[in-house]
C-alpha atoms as a PDB file:
ATOM      1  CA  MET A   1      67.775 -57.476 -24.740  1.00  0.00           C
ATOM      2  CA  GLY A   2      65.345 -54.765 -22.980  1.00  0.00           C
ATOM      3  CA  ASN A   3      64.479 -54.494 -19.473  1.00  0.00           C
ATOM      4  CA  LYS A   4      60.881 -55.235 -20.455  1.00  0.00           C
ATOM      5  CA  ASN A   5      62.107 -57.905 -23.357  1.00  0.00           C
ATOM      6  CA  ASP A   6      63.954 -60.192 -19.886  1.00  0.00           C
ATOM      7  CA  LYS A   7      60.587 -59.956 -18.393  1.00  0.00           C
ATOM      8  CA  LEU A   8      58.396 -61.013 -21.573  1.00  0.00           C
ATOM      9  CA  SER A   9      61.325 -64.034 -21.977  1.00  0.00           C
ATOM     10  CA  VAL A  10      61.079 -64.972 -18.152  1.00  0.00           C
ATOM     11  CA  PHE A  11      57.048 -65.324 -19.374  1.00  0.00           C
ATOM     12  CA  ILE A  12      57.658 -67.161 -22.007  1.00  0.00           C
ATOM     13  CA  SER A  13      60.221 -69.701 -20.334  1.00  0.00           C
ATOM     14  CA  LEU A  14      57.702 -70.252 -17.598  1.00  0.00           C
ATOM     15  CA  ILE A  15      54.811 -70.895 -20.010  1.00  0.00           C
ATOM     16  CA  LEU A  16      56.931 -72.994 -23.058  1.00  0.00           C
ATOM     17  CA  ARG A  17      58.695 -75.069 -20.235  1.00  0.00           C
ATOM     18  CA  HIS A  18      56.692 -75.001 -16.986  1.00  0.00           C
ATOM     19  CA  LYS A  19      52.223 -73.742 -17.429  1.00  0.00           C
ATOM     20  CA  PRO A  20      51.293 -73.184 -20.904  1.00  0.00           C
ATOM     21  CA  GLU A  21      47.515 -72.360 -19.076  1.00  0.00           C
ATOM     22  CA  VAL A  22      48.727 -68.723 -17.942  1.00  0.00           C
ATOM     23  CA  ALA A  23      48.424 -68.034 -20.950  1.00  0.00           C
ATOM     24  CA  ASN A  24      45.431 -69.933 -21.375  1.00  0.00           C
ATOM     25  CA  ILE A  25      47.281 -72.100 -24.442  1.00  0.00           C
ATOM     26  CA  LYS A  26      47.859 -75.711 -24.827  1.00  0.00           C
ATOM     27  CA  LEU A  27      51.220 -77.462 -26.129  1.00  0.00           C
ATOM     28  CA  ASP A  28      51.644 -80.018 -28.624  1.00  0.00           C
ATOM     29  CA  GLU A  29      53.393 -83.570 -27.583  1.00  0.00           C
ATOM     30  CA  PHE A  30      56.112 -81.772 -28.970  1.00  0.00           C
ATOM     31  CA  GLY A  31      56.181 -78.876 -26.957  1.00  0.00           C
ATOM     32  CA  TYR A  32      54.924 -76.475 -29.253  1.00  0.00           C
ATOM     33  CA  ALA A  33      53.163 -73.357 -29.138  1.00  0.00           C
ATOM     34  CA  ASN A  34      50.797 -71.762 -31.805  1.00  0.00           C
ATOM     35  CA  VAL A  35      52.730 -68.639 -32.380  1.00  0.00           C
ATOM     36  CA  ASP A  36      49.423 -66.362 -32.548  1.00  0.00           C
ATOM     37  CA  GLU A  37      47.745 -68.272 -29.768  1.00  0.00           C
ATOM     38  CA  LEU A  38      51.249 -67.352 -27.340  1.00  0.00           C
ATOM     39  CA  ILE A  39      51.085 -63.526 -28.755  1.00  0.00           C
ATOM     40  CA  LYS A  40      47.098 -63.681 -27.949  1.00  0.00           C
ATOM     41  CA  GLY A  41      47.723 -65.391 -24.411  1.00  0.00           C
ATOM     42  CA  VAL A  42      50.677 -63.158 -23.343  1.00  0.00           C
ATOM     43  CA  ASN A  43      48.850 -60.416 -24.466  1.00  0.00           C
ATOM     44  CA  GLU A  44      45.786 -61.415 -22.645  1.00  0.00           C
ATOM     45  CA  THR A  45      47.219 -61.539 -19.424  1.00  0.00           C
ATOM     46  CA  GLY A  46      48.582 -57.346 -19.489  1.00  0.00           C
ATOM     47  CA  ARG A  47      51.614 -57.614 -21.041  1.00  0.00           C
ATOM     48  CA  ARG A  48      52.303 -56.565 -24.876  1.00  0.00           C
ATOM     49  CA  MET A  49      53.215 -59.034 -26.986  1.00  0.00           C
ATOM     50  CA  ASN A  50      53.940 -59.210 -31.527  1.00  0.00           C
ATOM     51  CA  LEU A  51      55.456 -61.497 -34.107  1.00  0.00           C
ATOM     52  CA  ASN A  52      58.291 -58.935 -33.988  1.00  0.00           C
ATOM     53  CA  ILE A  53      58.965 -58.338 -29.711  1.00  0.00           C
ATOM     54  CA  LEU A  54      58.787 -62.039 -30.041  1.00  0.00           C
ATOM     55  CA  LYS A  55      60.927 -62.926 -32.616  1.00  0.00           C
ATOM     56  CA  GLU A  56      63.586 -60.399 -30.749  1.00  0.00           C
ATOM     57  CA  ILE A  57      62.954 -61.656 -28.114  1.00  0.00           C
ATOM     58  CA  VAL A  58      64.349 -65.737 -30.031  1.00  0.00           C
ATOM     59  CA  SER A  59      67.611 -63.912 -31.454  1.00  0.00           C
ATOM     60  CA  ASP A  60      69.157 -61.877 -28.182  1.00  0.00           C
ATOM     61  CA  ASP A  61      68.377 -64.898 -25.682  1.00  0.00           C
ATOM     62  CA  LYS A  62      72.073 -65.556 -25.743  1.00  0.00           C
ATOM     63  CA  LYS A  63      71.334 -69.040 -24.178  1.00  0.00           C
ATOM     64  CA  GLY A  64      68.917 -70.482 -26.760  1.00  0.00           C
ATOM     65  CA  ARG A  65      65.978 -71.500 -24.781  1.00  0.00           C
ATOM     66  CA  TYR A  66      63.463 -71.036 -27.842  1.00  0.00           C
ATOM     67  CA  SER A  67      63.215 -72.412 -31.233  1.00  0.00           C
ATOM     68  CA  PHE A  68      60.451 -71.660 -34.087  1.00  0.00           C
ATOM     69  CA  ASN A  69      59.817 -73.946 -36.803  1.00  0.00           C
ATOM     70  CA  GLU A  70      60.672 -72.339 -40.059  1.00  0.00           C
ATOM     71  CA  SER A  71      57.451 -70.433 -40.942  1.00  0.00           C
ATOM     72  CA  PHE A  72      57.416 -69.120 -37.349  1.00  0.00           C
ATOM     73  CA  THR A  73      54.179 -70.269 -36.968  1.00  0.00           C
ATOM     74  CA  LEU A  74      55.440 -72.736 -33.736  1.00  0.00           C
ATOM     75  CA  ILE A  75      57.045 -72.236 -31.426  1.00  0.00           C
ATOM     76  CA  ARG A  76      59.125 -73.975 -28.496  1.00  0.00           C
ATOM     77  CA  ALA A  77      61.156 -74.274 -24.955  1.00  0.00           C
ATOM     78  CA  ASN A  78      64.486 -76.331 -25.994  1.00  0.00           C
ATOM     79  CA  GLN A  79      65.302 -77.855 -23.312  1.00  0.00           C
ATOM     80  CA  GLY A  80      64.254 -77.160 -18.886  1.00  0.00           C
ATOM     81  CA  HIS A  81      60.574 -78.435 -18.949  1.00  0.00           C
ATOM     82  CA  SER A  82      58.669 -79.377 -16.013  1.00  0.00           C
ATOM     83  CA  ILE A  83      56.084 -80.612 -17.949  1.00  0.00           C
ATOM     84  CA  ASN A  84      56.614 -84.072 -20.415  1.00  0.00           C
ATOM     85  CA  VAL A  85      57.604 -82.788 -23.906  1.00  0.00           C
ATOM     86  CA  LYS A  86      58.645 -84.923 -26.543  1.00  0.00           C
ATOM     87  CA  VAL A  87      61.117 -82.396 -26.872  1.00  0.00           C
ATOM     88  CA  PRO A  88      63.679 -83.566 -30.084  1.00  0.00           C
ATOM     89  CA  LEU A  89      66.793 -84.776 -28.314  1.00  0.00           C
ATOM     90  CA  GLN A  90      70.670 -85.528 -29.944  1.00  0.00           C
ATOM     91  CA  LYS A  91      71.492 -89.184 -27.501  1.00  0.00           C
ATOM     92  CA  LEU A  92      75.435 -88.804 -28.351  1.00  0.00           C
ATOM     93  CA  GLU A  93      78.496 -89.375 -26.576  1.00  0.00           C
ATOM     94  CA  PRO A  94      79.434 -86.742 -23.853  1.00  0.00           C
ATOM     95  CA  PRO A  95      83.431 -85.251 -23.158  1.00  0.00           C
ATOM     96  CA  GLN A  96      85.600 -86.769 -20.394  1.00  0.00           C
ATOM     97  CA  PHE A  97      83.711 -84.705 -17.898  1.00  0.00           C
ATOM     98  CA  LEU A  98      80.760 -81.964 -17.629  1.00  0.00           C
ATOM     99  CA  TYR A  99      80.176 -78.880 -15.094  1.00  0.00           C
ATOM    100  CA  HIS A 100      76.487 -79.243 -12.497  1.00  0.00           C
ATOM    101  CA  GLY A 101      76.158 -75.656 -11.341  1.00  0.00           C
ATOM    102  CA  THR A 102      74.438 -74.651  -8.632  1.00  0.00           C
ATOM    103  CA  ALA A 103      73.664 -73.130  -5.209  1.00  0.00           C
ATOM    104  CA  GLU A 104      76.712 -74.214  -1.979  1.00  0.00           C
ATOM    105  CA  ARG A 105      73.484 -75.267   0.444  1.00  0.00           C
ATOM    106  CA  PHE A 106      72.821 -78.171  -2.098  1.00  0.00           C
ATOM    107  CA  LEU A 107      76.549 -79.880  -1.715  1.00  0.00           C
ATOM    108  CA  ASP A 108      75.487 -82.042   0.430  1.00  0.00           C
ATOM    109  CA  SER A 109      72.472 -82.753  -1.189  1.00  0.00           C
ATOM    110  CA  ILE A 110      74.319 -83.816  -4.265  1.00  0.00           C
ATOM    111  CA  LEU A 111      77.241 -85.265  -2.515  1.00  0.00           C
ATOM    112  CA  SER A 112      75.111 -87.333  -0.920  1.00  0.00           C
ATOM    113  CA  SER A 113      72.571 -88.839  -2.876  1.00  0.00           C
ATOM    114  CA  GLY A 114      73.604 -87.528  -6.315  1.00  0.00           C
ATOM    115  CA  VAL A 115      72.423 -85.307  -8.636  1.00  0.00           C
ATOM    116  CA  LYS A 116      68.408 -85.188  -9.591  1.00  0.00           C
ATOM    117  CA  LYS A 117      66.874 -84.074 -12.136  1.00  0.00           C
ATOM    118  CA  MET A 118      64.436 -82.139  -9.502  1.00  0.00           C
ATOM    119  CA  ASN A 119      61.109 -80.477 -11.261  1.00  0.00           C
ATOM    120  CA  ARG A 120      62.972 -80.979 -14.471  1.00  0.00           C
ATOM    121  CA  LEU A 121      62.447 -84.075 -17.312  1.00  0.00           C
ATOM    122  CA  TYR A 122      66.288 -84.061 -16.917  1.00  0.00           C
ATOM    123  CA  VAL A 123      69.832 -83.021 -15.130  1.00  0.00           C
ATOM    124  CA  HIS A 124      70.552 -80.368 -16.957  1.00  0.00           C
ATOM    125  CA  LEU A 125      75.390 -80.298 -17.300  1.00  0.00           C
ATOM    126  CA  SER A 126      77.658 -78.479 -19.107  1.00  0.00           C
ATOM    127  CA  ASP A 127      80.853 -78.714 -21.175  1.00  0.00           C
ATOM    128  CA  ASN A 128      82.658 -75.410 -20.010  1.00  0.00           C
ATOM    129  CA  LEU A 129      82.769 -73.673 -16.151  1.00  0.00           C
ATOM    130  CA  ASP A 130      81.664 -69.740 -17.224  1.00  0.00           C
ATOM    131  CA  THR A 131      78.168 -72.045 -17.976  1.00  0.00           C
ATOM    132  CA  ALA A 132      78.158 -73.505 -14.751  1.00  0.00           C
ATOM    133  CA  LYS A 133      79.410 -70.698 -12.841  1.00  0.00           C
ATOM    134  CA  GLN A 134      76.049 -68.643 -14.181  1.00  0.00           C
ATOM    135  CA  VAL A 135      74.076 -71.421 -13.872  1.00  0.00           C
ATOM    136  CA  GLY A 136      75.566 -71.782 -10.128  1.00  0.00           C
ATOM    137  CA  LYS A 137      74.792 -67.728  -9.388  1.00  0.00           C
ATOM    138  CA  ARG A 138      71.405 -67.988  -9.432  1.00  0.00           C
ATOM    139  CA  HIS A 139      70.305 -70.581  -7.110  1.00  0.00           C
ATOM    140  CA  GLY A 140      72.907 -68.784  -4.686  1.00  0.00           C
ATOM    141  CA  LYS A 141      76.650 -69.025  -4.080  1.00  0.00           C
ATOM    142  CA  PRO A 142      78.032 -71.180  -6.671  1.00  0.00           C
ATOM    143  CA  VAL A 143      79.593 -74.190  -6.415  1.00  0.00           C
ATOM    144  CA  ILE A 144      80.215 -76.545  -9.301  1.00  0.00           C
ATOM    145  CA  VAL A 145      80.826 -80.692  -9.867  1.00  0.00           C
ATOM    146  CA  THR A 146      82.554 -82.385 -12.252  1.00  0.00           C
ATOM    147  CA  VAL A 147      80.909 -85.046 -13.424  1.00  0.00           C
ATOM    148  CA  ASP A 148      82.856 -88.217 -14.739  1.00  0.00           C
ATOM    149  CA  ALA A 149      79.806 -87.932 -18.285  1.00  0.00           C
ATOM    150  CA  GLN A 150      82.671 -90.473 -20.264  1.00  0.00           C
ATOM    151  CA  LYS A 151      82.781 -92.924 -17.156  1.00  0.00           C
ATOM    152  CA  MET A 152      78.547 -93.061 -17.079  1.00  0.00           C
ATOM    153  CA  TYR A 153      78.393 -93.165 -20.928  1.00  0.00           C
ATOM    154  CA  GLU A 154      81.226 -96.342 -20.208  1.00  0.00           C
ATOM    155  CA  ASP A 155      78.559 -97.801 -17.957  1.00  0.00           C
ATOM    156  CA  GLY A 156      75.655 -97.474 -20.133  1.00  0.00           C
ATOM    157  CA  TYR A 157      73.993 -94.000 -19.516  1.00  0.00           C
ATOM    158  CA  GLU A 158      72.476 -92.374 -22.134  1.00  0.00           C
ATOM    159  CA  PHE A 159      73.425 -88.848 -23.325  1.00  0.00           C
ATOM    160  CA  TYR A 160      71.451 -85.936 -24.908  1.00  0.00           C
ATOM    161  CA  LEU A 161      72.326 -82.916 -26.248  1.00  0.00           C
ATOM    162  CA  SER A 162      69.407 -79.879 -26.361  1.00  0.00           C
ATOM    163  CA  GLU A 163      69.398 -77.477 -29.597  1.00  0.00           C
ATOM    164  CA  ASN A 164      71.665 -75.108 -27.377  1.00  0.00           C
ATOM    165  CA  LYS A 165      74.139 -77.038 -27.018  1.00  0.00           C
ATOM    166  CA  VAL A 166      73.007 -78.077 -23.136  1.00  0.00           C
ATOM    167  CA  TRP A 167      73.821 -81.511 -21.617  1.00  0.00           C
ATOM    168  CA  LEU A 168      70.719 -83.622 -20.167  1.00  0.00           C
ATOM    169  CA  THR A 169      70.684 -87.159 -18.565  1.00  0.00           C
ATOM    170  CA  ASP A 170      67.989 -88.201 -16.479  1.00  0.00           C
ATOM    171  CA  PHE A 171      70.250 -88.877 -13.156  1.00  0.00           C
ATOM    172  CA  VAL A 172      74.064 -88.961 -11.938  1.00  0.00           C
ATOM    173  CA  PRO A 173      74.797 -91.073  -9.338  1.00  0.00           C
ATOM    174  CA  THR A 174      77.995 -89.726  -6.722  1.00  0.00           C
ATOM    175  CA  LYS A 175      80.394 -92.374  -7.513  1.00  0.00           C
ATOM    176  CA  TYR A 176      80.316 -89.978 -11.160  1.00  0.00           C
ATOM    177  CA  VAL A 177      80.124 -86.577  -9.182  1.00  0.00           C
ATOM    178  CA  LYS A 178      83.877 -84.894  -7.779  1.00  0.00           C
ATOM    179  CA  LEU A 179      83.402 -80.676  -6.242  1.00  0.00           C
ATOM    180  CA  THR A 180      85.291 -78.901  -8.585  1.00  0.00           C
END
């Protein structure tokens, strides 16, 4: 994906996850936006996008952030929302361990208060160290905490797997967290 599309992808992520109003659009209860309205709204901000560019952004996104409906008339972010939408999630038993990448500056808070969802609908966890490390790098000097997801599950906590394979839960108490 070219640099121009990278910037458009970040902008689309902002619209579909956090602020649909910046493109003067509305999301339905499941987080879907009308594709034509999204394209029009993005273009009205001075950026240039059409359906082919949008399809390219979605297909090139290595993290699988977005999903179209079958007719390419609706699009949504798969997870990461700070606005309340009902993205369908698959409730599953998690693997033994999951990982949370963060910045070193947040470690004391996590070790004393747990992993909180902050401004998102869920805590985001990955099933591999590489992904967790990449997430941590985005926020500063990366650190990874290991979550005993199996023990949490046995203790009654629910886990969901998003369409793009991000594990989600409401909160991770400190007793299930250790520094990796």
